[in-house]
């Protein structure tokens, strides 16, 4: 009986952390661990702890890939997380414009025949 109480206590520990992803410019497609989740600015409720593979993609901009550390702080692990709210995390990225070879692009446009 006593173990049931502790088991229930551990199961109730923790909760999803709020993760905010921002980009400049806004509107980048966010892929979180291989799953498309939306466009920036984006707020996720995430209970996953560990390293996350993040990919930001926006037309005319270089794709941005990063490994995000979502490991819990010392106060976010059971049983301490009963007393503390999960830490909100905000990640902000600046996307670089795509390098375009304008000369070859112009040549291809001139050669184009519908």
PDB file of N, CA and C in Angstrom:
ATOM      1  N   UNK A   1       0.829  -1.188   0.000  1.00  0.00           N
ATOM      2  CA  UNK A   1       0.000   0.000   0.000  1.00  0.00           C
ATOM      3  C   UNK A   1       0.874   1.253   0.000  1.00  0.00           C
ATOM      4  N   UNK A   2       1.899   1.208   0.800  1.00  0.00           N
ATOM      5  CA  UNK A   2       2.792   2.346   0.912  1.00  0.00           C
ATOM      6  C   UNK A   2       3.515   2.599  -0.424  1.00  0.00           C
ATOM      7  N   UNK A   3       3.848   1.533  -1.156  1.00  0.00           N
ATOM      8  CA  UNK A   3       4.532   1.683  -2.439  1.00  0.00           C
ATOM      9  C   UNK A   3       3.608   2.278  -3.492  1.00  0.00           C
ATOM     10  N   UNK A   4       2.339   1.993  -3.395  1.00  0.00           N
ATOM     11  CA  UNK A   4       1.370   2.553  -4.335  1.00  0.00           C
ATOM     12  C   UNK A   4       1.343   4.069  -4.228  1.00  0.00           C
ATOM     13  N   UNK A   5       1.398   4.574  -3.020  1.00  0.00           N
ATOM     14  CA  UNK A   5       1.412   6.021  -2.816  1.00  0.00           C
ATOM     15  C   UNK A   5       2.633   6.653  -3.479  1.00  0.00           C
ATOM     16  N   UNK A   6       3.812   6.058  -3.261  1.00  0.00           N
ATOM     17  CA  UNK A   6       5.034   6.608  -3.850  1.00  0.00           C
ATOM     18  C   UNK A   6       5.034   6.489  -5.371  1.00  0.00           C
ATOM     19  N   UNK A   7       4.471   5.410  -5.878  1.00  0.00           N
ATOM     20  CA  UNK A   7       4.365   5.242  -7.322  1.00  0.00           C
ATOM     21  C   UNK A   7       3.455   6.312  -7.920  1.00  0.00           C
ATOM     22  N   UNK A   8       2.328   6.561  -7.277  1.00  0.00           N
ATOM     23  CA  UNK A   8       1.415   7.619  -7.742  1.00  0.00           C
ATOM     24  C   UNK A   8       2.083   8.986  -7.655  1.00  0.00           C
ATOM     25  N   UNK A   9       2.867   9.197  -6.635  1.00  0.00           N
ATOM     26  CA  UNK A   9       3.572  10.458  -6.463  1.00  0.00           C
ATOM     27  C   UNK A   9       4.570  10.681  -7.598  1.00  0.00           C
ATOM     28  N   UNK A  10       5.314   9.642  -7.955  1.00  0.00           N
ATOM     29  CA  UNK A  10       6.285   9.760  -9.037  1.00  0.00           C
ATOM     30  C   UNK A  10       5.622   9.968 -10.390  1.00  0.00           C
ATOM     31  N   UNK A  11       4.506   9.303 -10.618  1.00  0.00           N
ATOM     32  CA  UNK A  11       3.798   9.447 -11.889  1.00  0.00           C
ATOM     33  C   UNK A  11       3.261  10.862 -12.042  1.00  0.00           C
ATOM     34  N   UNK A  12       2.851  11.469 -10.942  1.00  0.00           N
ATOM     35  CA  UNK A  12       2.290  12.816 -11.017  1.00  0.00           C
ATOM     36  C   UNK A  12       3.363  13.891 -11.111  1.00  0.00           C
ATOM     37  N   UNK A  13       4.625  13.515 -10.969  1.00  0.00           N
ATOM     38  CA  UNK A  13       5.705  14.492 -11.024  1.00  0.00           C
ATOM     39  C   UNK A  13       5.869  15.050 -12.426  1.00  0.00           C
ATOM     40  N   UNK A  14       6.375  16.249 -12.471  1.00  0.00           N
ATOM     41  CA  UNK A  14       6.706  16.856 -13.752  1.00  0.00           C
ATOM     42  C   UNK A  14       5.499  17.348 -14.499  1.00  0.00           C
ATOM     43  N   UNK A  15       5.764  17.855 -15.624  1.00  0.00           N
ATOM     44  CA  UNK A  15       4.728  18.368 -16.489  1.00  0.00           C
ATOM     45  C   UNK A  15       5.396  18.949 -17.707  1.00  0.00           C
ATOM     46  N   UNK A  16       4.598  19.292 -18.683  1.00  0.00           N
ATOM     47  CA  UNK A  16       5.213  19.815 -19.898  1.00  0.00           C
ATOM     48  C   UNK A  16       5.801  21.207 -19.694  1.00  0.00           C
ATOM     49  N   UNK A  17       6.948  21.407 -20.277  1.00  0.00           N
ATOM     50  CA  UNK A  17       7.581  22.727 -20.268  1.00  0.00           C
ATOM     51  C   UNK A  17       7.087  23.497 -21.484  1.00  0.00           C
ATOM     52  N   UNK A  18       7.007  24.813 -21.344  1.00  0.00           N
ATOM     53  CA  UNK A  18       6.605  25.640 -22.478  1.00  0.00           C
ATOM     54  C   UNK A  18       7.868  26.050 -23.232  1.00  0.00           C
ATOM     55  N   UNK A  19       7.890  25.745 -24.529  1.00  0.00           N
ATOM     56  CA  UNK A  19       9.032  26.055 -25.374  1.00  0.00           C
ATOM     57  C   UNK A  19       8.574  27.040 -26.436  1.00  0.00           C
ATOM     58  N   UNK A  20       9.233  28.195 -26.483  1.00  0.00           N
ATOM     59  CA  UNK A  20       8.892  29.202 -27.481  1.00  0.00           C
ATOM     60  C   UNK A  20      10.035  29.277 -28.488  1.00  0.00           C
ATOM     61  N   UNK A  21       9.675  29.191 -29.787  1.00  0.00           N
ATOM     62  CA  UNK A  21      10.663  29.248 -30.860  1.00  0.00           C
ATOM     63  C   UNK A  21      10.360  30.472 -31.712  1.00  0.00           C
ATOM     64  N   UNK A  22      11.351  31.349 -31.814  1.00  0.00           N
ATOM     65  CA  UNK A  22      11.216  32.587 -32.573  1.00  0.00           C
ATOM     66  C   UNK A  22      12.244  32.591 -33.699  1.00  0.00           C
ATOM     67  N   UNK A  23      11.915  33.264 -34.796  1.00  0.00           N
ATOM     68  CA  UNK A  23      12.889  33.418 -35.875  1.00  0.00           C
ATOM     69  C   UNK A  23      12.754  34.795 -36.485  1.00  0.00           C
ATOM     70  N   UNK A  24      13.855  35.247 -37.050  1.00  0.00           N
ATOM     71  CA  UNK A  24      13.861  36.504 -37.794  1.00  0.00           C
ATOM     72  C   UNK A  24      14.332  36.174 -39.190  1.00  0.00           C
ATOM     73  N   UNK A  25      13.531  36.241 -40.204  1.00  0.00           N
ATOM     74  CA  UNK A  25      12.140  36.683 -40.226  1.00  0.00           C
ATOM     75  C   UNK A  25      11.198  35.598 -39.704  1.00  0.00           C
ATOM     76  N   UNK A  26       9.990  36.018 -39.357  1.00  0.00           N
ATOM     77  CA  UNK A  26       8.976  35.079 -38.867  1.00  0.00           C
ATOM     78  C   UNK A  26       8.443  34.235 -40.020  1.00  0.00           C
ATOM     79  N   UNK A  27       7.779  33.142 -39.666  1.00  0.00           N
ATOM     80  CA  UNK A  27       7.126  32.304 -40.667  1.00  0.00           C
ATOM     81  C   UNK A  27       7.910  31.074 -41.061  1.00  0.00           C
ATOM     82  N   UNK A  28       9.034  30.807 -40.397  1.00  0.00           N
ATOM     83  CA  UNK A  28       9.837  29.634 -40.726  1.00  0.00           C
ATOM     84  C   UNK A  28       9.121  28.369 -40.264  1.00  0.00           C
ATOM     85  N   UNK A  29       9.181  27.333 -41.086  1.00  0.00           N
ATOM     86  CA  UNK A  29       8.592  26.041 -40.745  1.00  0.00           C
ATOM     87  C   UNK A  29       9.474  25.360 -39.707  1.00  0.00           C
ATOM     88  N   UNK A  30       8.876  24.935 -38.600  1.00  0.00           N
ATOM     89  CA  UNK A  30       9.611  24.305 -37.494  1.00  0.00           C
ATOM     90  C   UNK A  30       9.421  22.797 -37.565  1.00  0.00           C
ATOM     91  N   UNK A  31      10.535  22.073 -37.686  1.00  0.00           N
ATOM     92  CA  UNK A  31      10.522  20.614 -37.620  1.00  0.00           C
ATOM     93  C   UNK A  31      11.226  20.229 -36.329  1.00  0.00           C
ATOM     94  N   UNK A  32      10.488  19.554 -35.445  1.00  0.00           N
ATOM     95  CA  UNK A  32      10.945  19.209 -34.093  1.00  0.00           C
ATOM     96  C   UNK A  32      11.092  17.700 -34.032  1.00  0.00           C
ATOM     97  N   UNK A  33      12.330  17.200 -33.935  1.00  0.00           N
ATOM     98  CA  UNK A  33      12.609  15.761 -33.937  1.00  0.00           C
ATOM     99  C   UNK A  33      11.956  15.055 -35.127  1.00  0.00           C
ATOM    100  N   UNK A  34      12.057  15.669 -36.306  1.00  0.00           N
ATOM    101  CA  UNK A  34      11.541  15.058 -37.527  1.00  0.00           C
ATOM    102  C   UNK A  34      10.062  15.258 -37.773  1.00  0.00           C
ATOM    103  N   UNK A  35       9.373  15.971 -36.905  1.00  0.00           N
ATOM    104  CA  UNK A  35       7.926  16.187 -37.032  1.00  0.00           C
ATOM    105  C   UNK A  35       7.634  17.674 -37.216  1.00  0.00           C
ATOM    106  N   UNK A  36       6.930  17.999 -38.311  1.00  0.00           N
ATOM    107  CA  UNK A  36       6.558  19.397 -38.544  1.00  0.00           C
ATOM    108  C   UNK A  36       5.562  19.829 -37.483  1.00  0.00           C
ATOM    109  N   UNK A  37       5.871  20.954 -36.807  1.00  0.00           N
ATOM    110  CA  UNK A  37       5.033  21.385 -35.690  1.00  0.00           C
ATOM    111  C   UNK A  37       4.340  22.716 -35.921  1.00  0.00           C
ATOM    112  N   UNK A  38       4.735  23.481 -36.933  1.00  0.00           N
ATOM    113  CA  UNK A  38       4.101  24.765 -37.193  1.00  0.00           C
ATOM    114  C   UNK A  38       5.108  25.775 -37.689  1.00  0.00           C
ATOM    115  N   UNK A  39       4.709  27.040 -37.656  1.00  0.00           N
ATOM    116  CA  UNK A  39       5.561  28.134 -38.135  1.00  0.00           C
ATOM    117  C   UNK A  39       5.843  29.117 -36.999  1.00  0.00           C
ATOM    118  N   UNK A  40       7.000  29.757 -37.093  1.00  0.00           N
ATOM    119  CA  UNK A  40       7.388  30.717 -36.059  1.00  0.00           C
ATOM    120  C   UNK A  40       6.584  31.997 -36.188  1.00  0.00           C
ATOM    121  N   UNK A  41       6.298  32.674 -35.091  1.00  0.00           N
ATOM    122  CA  UNK A  41       6.595  32.313 -33.702  1.00  0.00           C
ATOM    123  C   UNK A  41       5.711  31.149 -33.253  1.00  0.00           C
ATOM    124  N   UNK A  42       6.298  30.217 -32.547  1.00  0.00           N
ATOM    125  CA  UNK A  42       5.608  28.986 -32.169  1.00  0.00           C
ATOM    126  C   UNK A  42       5.845  28.700 -30.692  1.00  0.00           C
ATOM    127  N   UNK A  43       4.782  28.323 -29.998  1.00  0.00           N
ATOM    128  CA  UNK A  43       4.889  27.909 -28.600  1.00  0.00           C
ATOM    129  C   UNK A  43       4.420  26.467 -28.497  1.00  0.00           C
ATOM    130  N   UNK A  44       5.270  25.617 -27.933  1.00  0.00           N
ATOM    131  CA  UNK A  44       4.971  24.195 -27.767  1.00  0.00           C
ATOM    132  C   UNK A  44       4.916  23.861 -26.285  1.00  0.00           C
ATOM    133  N   UNK A  45       4.094  22.892 -25.941  1.00  0.00           N
ATOM    134  CA  UNK A  45       4.142  22.298 -24.602  1.00  0.00           C
ATOM    135  C   UNK A  45       4.804  20.948 -24.790  1.00  0.00           C
ATOM    136  N   UNK A  46       5.965  20.797 -24.194  1.00  0.00           N
ATOM    137  CA  UNK A  46       6.788  19.634 -24.472  1.00  0.00           C
ATOM    138  C   UNK A  46       7.237  18.975 -23.178  1.00  0.00           C
ATOM    139  N   UNK A  47       6.993  17.670 -23.064  1.00  0.00           N
ATOM    140  CA  UNK A  47       7.424  16.947 -21.873  1.00  0.00           C
ATOM    141  C   UNK A  47       8.689  16.143 -22.144  1.00  0.00           C
ATOM    142  N   UNK A  48       9.147  16.127 -23.398  1.00  0.00           N
ATOM    143  CA  UNK A  48      10.368  15.404 -23.751  1.00  0.00           C
ATOM    144  C   UNK A  48      11.570  16.056 -23.084  1.00  0.00           C
ATOM    145  N   UNK A  49      12.430  15.254 -22.516  1.00  0.00           N
ATOM    146  CA  UNK A  49      13.662  15.745 -21.901  1.00  0.00           C
ATOM    147  C   UNK A  49      14.838  15.081 -22.613  1.00  0.00           C
ATOM    148  N   UNK A  50      15.802  15.858 -22.994  1.00  0.00           N
ATOM    149  CA  UNK A  50      16.964  15.342 -23.706  1.00  0.00           C
ATOM    150  C   UNK A  50      17.362  16.310 -24.805  1.00  0.00           C
ATOM    151  N   UNK A  51      18.036  15.793 -25.827  1.00  0.00           N
ATOM    152  CA  UNK A  51      18.464  16.623 -26.943  1.00  0.00           C
ATOM    153  C   UNK A  51      17.465  16.507 -28.080  1.00  0.00           C
ATOM    154  N   UNK A  52      17.051  17.641 -28.609  1.00  0.00           N
ATOM    155  CA  UNK A  52      16.045  17.713 -29.665  1.00  0.00           C
ATOM    156  C   UNK A  52      16.712  18.193 -30.948  1.00  0.00           C
ATOM    157  N   UNK A  53      16.348  17.563 -32.071  1.00  0.00           N
ATOM    158  CA  UNK A  53      16.823  18.013 -33.374  1.00  0.00           C
ATOM    159  C   UNK A  53      15.828  19.033 -33.910  1.00  0.00           C
ATOM    160  N   UNK A  54      16.281  20.255 -34.123  1.00  0.00           N
ATOM    161  CA  UNK A  54      15.418  21.343 -34.581  1.00  0.00           C
ATOM    162  C   UNK A  54      15.854  21.779 -35.971  1.00  0.00           C
ATOM    163  N   UNK A  55      14.880  21.934 -36.872  1.00  0.00           N
ATOM    164  CA  UNK A  55      15.145  22.407 -38.228  1.00  0.00           C
ATOM    165  C   UNK A  55      14.175  23.534 -38.538  1.00  0.00           C
ATOM    166  N   UNK A  56      14.716  24.675 -38.982  1.00  0.00           N
ATOM    167  CA  UNK A  56      13.905  25.815 -39.408  1.00  0.00           C
ATOM    168  C   UNK A  56      14.117  26.008 -40.899  1.00  0.00           C
ATOM    169  N   UNK A  57      13.003  26.109 -41.654  1.00  0.00           N
ATOM    170  CA  UNK A  57      13.093  26.286 -43.097  1.00  0.00           C
ATOM    171  C   UNK A  57      12.156  27.396 -43.537  1.00  0.00           C
ATOM    172  N   UNK A  58      12.665  28.258 -44.408  1.00  0.00           N
ATOM    173  CA  UNK A  58      11.879  29.351 -44.965  1.00  0.00           C
ATOM    174  C   UNK A  58      12.393  29.609 -46.372  1.00  0.00           C
ATOM    175  N   UNK A  59      11.465  29.782 -47.303  1.00  0.00           N
ATOM    176  CA  UNK A  59      11.832  30.001 -48.697  1.00  0.00           C
ATOM    177  C   UNK A  59      12.754  31.218 -48.818  1.00  0.00           C
ATOM    178  N   UNK A  60      13.771  31.084 -49.643  1.00  0.00           N
ATOM    179  CA  UNK A  60      14.788  32.109 -49.912  1.00  0.00           C
ATOM    180  C   UNK A  60      15.767  32.305 -48.753  1.00  0.00           C
ATOM    181  N   UNK A  61      15.733  31.412 -47.756  1.00  0.00           N
ATOM    182  CA  UNK A  61      16.671  31.473 -46.637  1.00  0.00           C
ATOM    183  C   UNK A  61      17.333  30.113 -46.461  1.00  0.00           C
ATOM    184  N   UNK A  62      18.562  30.148 -45.972  1.00  0.00           N
ATOM    185  CA  UNK A  62      19.278  28.905 -45.689  1.00  0.00           C
ATOM    186  C   UNK A  62      18.563  28.150 -44.570  1.00  0.00           C
ATOM    187  N   UNK A  63      18.408  26.818 -44.708  1.00  0.00           N
ATOM    188  CA  UNK A  63      17.828  26.055 -43.598  1.00  0.00           C
ATOM    189  C   UNK A  63      18.750  26.137 -42.376  1.00  0.00           C
ATOM    190  N   UNK A  64      18.145  26.140 -41.199  1.00  0.00           N
ATOM    191  CA  UNK A  64      18.914  26.208 -39.957  1.00  0.00           C
ATOM    192  C   UNK A  64      18.634  24.944 -39.151  1.00  0.00           C
ATOM    193  N   UNK A  65      19.690  24.195 -38.842  1.00  0.00           N
ATOM    194  CA  UNK A  65      19.555  22.966 -38.055  1.00  0.00           C
ATOM    195  C   UNK A  65      20.372  23.116 -36.781  1.00  0.00           C
ATOM    196  N   UNK A  66      19.779  22.659 -35.681  1.00  0.00           N
ATOM    197  CA  UNK A  66      20.465  22.774 -34.398  1.00  0.00           C
ATOM    198  C   UNK A  66      20.014  21.656 -33.464  1.00  0.00           C
ATOM    199  N   UNK A  67      20.893  21.278 -32.566  1.00  0.00           N
ATOM    200  CA  UNK A  67      20.541  20.350 -31.488  1.00  0.00           C
ATOM    201  C   UNK A  67      20.244  21.201 -30.258  1.00  0.00           C
ATOM    202  N   UNK A  68      19.042  21.061 -29.728  1.00  0.00           N
ATOM    203  CA  UNK A  68      18.592  21.867 -28.589  1.00  0.00           C
ATOM    204  C   UNK A  68      18.644  21.004 -27.328  1.00  0.00           C
ATOM    205  N   UNK A  69      19.227  21.552 -26.282  1.00  0.00           N
ATOM    206  CA  UNK A  69      19.311  20.846 -25.009  1.00  0.00           C
ATOM    207  C   UNK A  69      18.031  21.082 -24.210  1.00  0.00           C
ATOM    208  N   UNK A  70      17.245  20.031 -24.022  1.00  0.00           N
ATOM    209  CA  UNK A  70      16.013  20.113 -23.235  1.00  0.00           C
ATOM    210  C   UNK A  70      16.146  19.329 -21.928  1.00  0.00           C
ATOM    211  N   UNK A  71      17.376  19.115 -21.500  1.00  0.00           N
ATOM    212  CA  UNK A  71      17.575  18.382 -20.248  1.00  0.00           C
ATOM    213  C   UNK A  71      17.017  19.197 -19.090  1.00  0.00           C
ATOM    214  N   UNK A  72      16.415  18.516 -18.125  1.00  0.00           N
ATOM    215  CA  UNK A  72      15.807  19.247 -17.011  1.00  0.00           C
ATOM    216  C   UNK A  72      16.856  19.848 -16.079  1.00  0.00           C
ATOM    217  N   UNK A  73      16.467  20.941 -15.449  1.00  0.00           N
ATOM    218  CA  UNK A  73      17.300  21.539 -14.402  1.00  0.00           C
ATOM    219  C   UNK A  73      17.229  20.634 -13.168  1.00  0.00           C
ATOM    220  N   UNK A  74      18.080  20.868 -12.207  1.00  0.00           N
ATOM    221  CA  UNK A  74      18.128  20.000 -11.023  1.00  0.00           C
ATOM    222  C   UNK A  74      16.808  19.996 -10.263  1.00  0.00           C
ATOM    223  N   UNK A  75      16.072  21.093 -10.301  1.00  0.00           N
ATOM    224  CA  UNK A  75      14.810  21.181  -9.566  1.00  0.00           C
ATOM    225  C   UNK A  75      13.623  20.655 -10.380  1.00  0.00           C
ATOM    226  N   UNK A  76      13.870  20.164 -11.598  1.00  0.00           N
ATOM    227  CA  UNK A  76      12.796  19.642 -12.441  1.00  0.00           C
ATOM    228  C   UNK A  76      12.751  18.118 -12.469  1.00  0.00           C
ATOM    229  N   UNK A  77      13.543  17.472 -11.639  1.00  0.00           N
ATOM    230  CA  UNK A  77      13.547  16.014 -11.607  1.00  0.00           C
ATOM    231  C   UNK A  77      12.747  15.535 -10.400  1.00  0.00           C
ATOM    232  N   UNK A  78      12.130  14.357 -10.521  1.00  0.00           N
ATOM    233  CA  UNK A  78      11.349  13.837  -9.399  1.00  0.00           C
ATOM    234  C   UNK A  78      12.232  13.633  -8.181  1.00  0.00           C
ATOM    235  N   UNK A  79      11.768  13.860  -7.008  1.00  0.00           N
ATOM    236  CA  UNK A  79      10.465  14.366  -6.583  1.00  0.00           C
ATOM    237  C   UNK A  79      10.437  15.885  -6.431  1.00  0.00           C
ATOM    238  N   UNK A  80      11.548  16.570  -6.746  1.00  0.00           N
ATOM    239  CA  UNK A  80      11.605  18.023  -6.556  1.00  0.00           C
ATOM    240  C   UNK A  80      10.638  18.774  -7.461  1.00  0.00           C
ATOM    241  N   UNK A  81      10.279  18.171  -8.595  1.00  0.00           N
ATOM    242  CA  UNK A  81       9.411  18.876  -9.534  1.00  0.00           C
ATOM    243  C   UNK A  81       7.979  19.007  -9.034  1.00  0.00           C
ATOM    244  N   UNK A  82       7.673  18.383  -7.917  1.00  0.00           N
ATOM    245  CA  UNK A  82       6.354  18.592  -7.310  1.00  0.00           C
ATOM    246  C   UNK A  82       6.238  20.009  -6.768  1.00  0.00           C
ATOM    247  N   UNK A  83       7.376  20.590  -6.421  1.00  0.00           N
ATOM    248  CA  UNK A  83       7.385  21.908  -5.804  1.00  0.00           C
ATOM    249  C   UNK A  83       7.651  23.036  -6.791  1.00  0.00           C
ATOM    250  N   UNK A  84       8.159  22.709  -7.978  1.00  0.00           N
ATOM    251  CA  UNK A  84       8.544  23.755  -8.935  1.00  0.00           C
ATOM    252  C   UNK A  84       7.874  23.538 -10.283  1.00  0.00           C
ATOM    253  N   UNK A  85       7.534  24.624 -10.920  1.00  0.00           N
ATOM    254  CA  UNK A  85       6.984  24.566 -12.271  1.00  0.00           C
ATOM    255  C   UNK A  85       8.119  24.289 -13.258  1.00  0.00           C
ATOM    256  N   UNK A  86       7.808  23.606 -14.368  1.00  0.00           N
ATOM    257  CA  UNK A  86       8.844  23.408 -15.383  1.00  0.00           C
ATOM    258  C   UNK A  86       9.325  24.748 -15.935  1.00  0.00           C
ATOM    259  N   UNK A  87      10.590  24.799 -16.253  1.00  0.00           N
ATOM    260  CA  UNK A  87      11.205  26.028 -16.755  1.00  0.00           C
ATOM    261  C   UNK A  87      10.735  26.300 -18.189  1.00  0.00           C
ATOM    262  N   UNK A  88      10.270  27.520 -18.437  1.00  0.00           N
ATOM    263  CA  UNK A  88       9.926  27.926 -19.797  1.00  0.00           C
ATOM    264  C   UNK A  88      11.219  28.224 -20.540  1.00  0.00           C
ATOM    265  N   UNK A  89      11.271  27.781 -21.785  1.00  0.00           N
ATOM    266  CA  UNK A  89      12.474  27.997 -22.589  1.00  0.00           C
ATOM    267  C   UNK A  89      12.116  28.779 -23.844  1.00  0.00           C
ATOM    268  N   UNK A  90      12.961  29.727 -24.206  1.00  0.00           N
ATOM    269  CA  UNK A  90      12.771  30.509 -25.424  1.00  0.00           C
ATOM    270  C   UNK A  90      14.039  30.411 -26.260  1.00  0.00           C
ATOM    271  N   UNK A  91      13.853  30.065 -27.528  1.00  0.00           N
ATOM    272  CA  UNK A  91      14.964  29.973 -28.466  1.00  0.00           C
ATOM    273  C   UNK A  91      14.688  30.926 -29.615  1.00  0.00           C
ATOM    274  N   UNK A  92      15.677  31.744 -29.945  1.00  0.00           N
ATOM    275  CA  UNK A  92      15.521  32.737 -31.000  1.00  0.00           C
ATOM    276  C   UNK A  92      16.634  32.553 -32.030  1.00  0.00           C
ATOM    277  N   UNK A  93      16.262  32.572 -33.313  1.00  0.00           N
ATOM    278  CA  UNK A  93      17.214  32.322 -34.387  1.00  0.00           C
ATOM    279  C   UNK A  93      17.080  33.390 -35.466  1.00  0.00           C
ATOM    280  N   UNK A  94      18.197  33.732 -36.085  1.00  0.00           N
ATOM    281  CA  UNK A  94      18.207  34.650 -37.226  1.00  0.00           C
ATOM    282  C   UNK A  94      18.602  33.827 -38.446  1.00  0.00           C
ATOM    283  N   UNK A  95      17.715  33.785 -39.436  1.00  0.00           N
ATOM    284  CA  UNK A  95      17.973  33.008 -40.643  1.00  0.00           C
ATOM    285  C   UNK A  95      18.765  33.848 -41.644  1.00  0.00           C
ATOM    286  N   UNK A  96      19.726  33.197 -42.302  1.00  0.00           N
ATOM    287  CA  UNK A  96      20.552  33.870 -43.302  1.00  0.00           C
ATOM    288  C   UNK A  96      19.923  33.718 -44.683  1.00  0.00           C
ATOM    289  N   UNK A  97      19.945  34.791 -45.484  1.00  0.00           N
ATOM    290  CA  UNK A  97      19.421  34.684 -46.853  1.00  0.00           C
ATOM    291  C   UNK A  97      20.222  33.659 -47.655  1.00  0.00           C
ATOM    292  N   UNK A  98      19.541  32.995 -48.583  1.00  0.00           N
ATOM    293  CA  UNK A  98      20.176  31.998 -49.427  1.00  0.00           C
ATOM    294  C   UNK A  98      21.181  32.665 -50.357  1.00  0.00           C
ATOM    295  N   UNK A  99      22.325  32.026 -50.544  1.00  0.00           N
ATOM    296  CA  UNK A  99      23.296  32.516 -51.521  1.00  0.00           C
ATOM    297  C   UNK A  99      22.828  32.083 -52.903  1.00  0.00           C
ATOM    298  N   UNK A 100      22.563  33.052 -53.776  1.00  0.00           N
ATOM    299  CA  UNK A 100      22.058  32.762 -55.109  1.00  0.00           C
ATOM    300  C   UNK A 100      23.061  33.284 -56.125  1.00  0.00           C
ATOM    301  N   UNK A 101      23.386  32.434 -57.087  1.00  0.00           N
ATOM    302  CA  UNK A 101      24.245  32.848 -58.187  1.00  0.00           C
ATOM    303  C   UNK A 101      23.360  33.559 -59.204  1.00  0.00           C
ATOM    304  N   UNK A 102      23.324  34.881 -59.133  1.00  0.00           N
ATOM    305  CA  UNK A 102      22.403  35.662 -59.957  1.00  0.00           C
ATOM    306  C   UNK A 102      22.698  35.530 -61.448  1.00  0.00           C
ATOM    307  N   UNK A 103      23.957  35.364 -61.805  1.00  0.00           N
ATOM    308  CA  UNK A 103      24.309  35.253 -63.222  1.00  0.00           C
ATOM    309  C   UNK A 103      23.710  33.989 -63.831  1.00  0.00           C
ATOM    310  N   UNK A 104      23.900  32.845 -63.169  1.00  0.00           N
ATOM    311  CA  UNK A 104      23.349  31.596 -63.711  1.00  0.00           C
ATOM    312  C   UNK A 104      21.823  31.598 -63.648  1.00  0.00           C
ATOM    313  N   UNK A 105      21.258  32.248 -62.652  1.00  0.00           N
ATOM    314  CA  UNK A 105      19.804  32.343 -62.556  1.00  0.00           C
ATOM    315  C   UNK A 105      19.242  33.148 -63.729  1.00  0.00           C
ATOM    316  N   UNK A 106      19.912  34.241 -64.070  1.00  0.00           N
ATOM    317  CA  UNK A 106      19.470  35.067 -65.197  1.00  0.00           C
ATOM    318  C   UNK A 106      19.597  34.293 -66.510  1.00  0.00           C
ATOM    319  N   UNK A 107      20.698  33.545 -66.670  1.00  0.00           N
ATOM    320  CA  UNK A 107      20.888  32.741 -67.884  1.00  0.00           C
ATOM    321  C   UNK A 107      19.794  31.691 -68.024  1.00  0.00           C
ATOM    322  N   UNK A 108      19.464  31.036 -66.937  1.00  0.00           N
ATOM    323  CA  UNK A 108      18.397  30.022 -66.986  1.00  0.00           C
ATOM    324  C   UNK A 108      17.059  30.655 -67.317  1.00  0.00           C
ATOM    325  N   UNK A 109      16.809  31.847 -66.790  1.00  0.00           N
ATOM    326  CA  UNK A 109      15.549  32.536 -67.070  1.00  0.00           C
ATOM    327  C   UNK A 109      15.457  32.912 -68.544  1.00  0.00           C
ATOM    328  N   UNK A 110      16.569  33.346 -69.127  1.00  0.00           N
ATOM    329  CA  UNK A 110      16.568  33.721 -70.543  1.00  0.00           C
ATOM    330  C   UNK A 110      16.407  32.502 -71.451  1.00  0.00           C
ATOM    331  N   UNK A 111      16.910  31.343 -71.009  1.00  0.00           N
ATOM    332  CA  UNK A 111      16.805  30.117 -71.802  1.00  0.00           C
ATOM    333  C   UNK A 111      15.459  29.427 -71.640  1.00  0.00           C
ATOM    334  N   UNK A 112      14.705  29.835 -70.663  1.00  0.00           N
ATOM    335  CA  UNK A 112      13.420  29.178 -70.377  1.00  0.00           C
ATOM    336  C   UNK A 112      12.432  29.395 -71.516  1.00  0.00           C
ATOM    337  N   UNK A 113      11.823  28.292 -71.955  1.00  0.00           N
ATOM    338  CA  UNK A 113      10.781  28.353 -72.978  1.00  0.00           C
ATOM    339  C   UNK A 113       9.599  27.542 -72.483  1.00  0.00           C
ATOM    340  N   UNK A 114       8.443  28.185 -72.351  1.00  0.00           N
ATOM    341  CA  UNK A 114       7.276  27.443 -71.842  1.00  0.00           C
ATOM    342  C   UNK A 114       6.733  26.434 -72.824  1.00  0.00           C
TER     343      UNK A 114
END
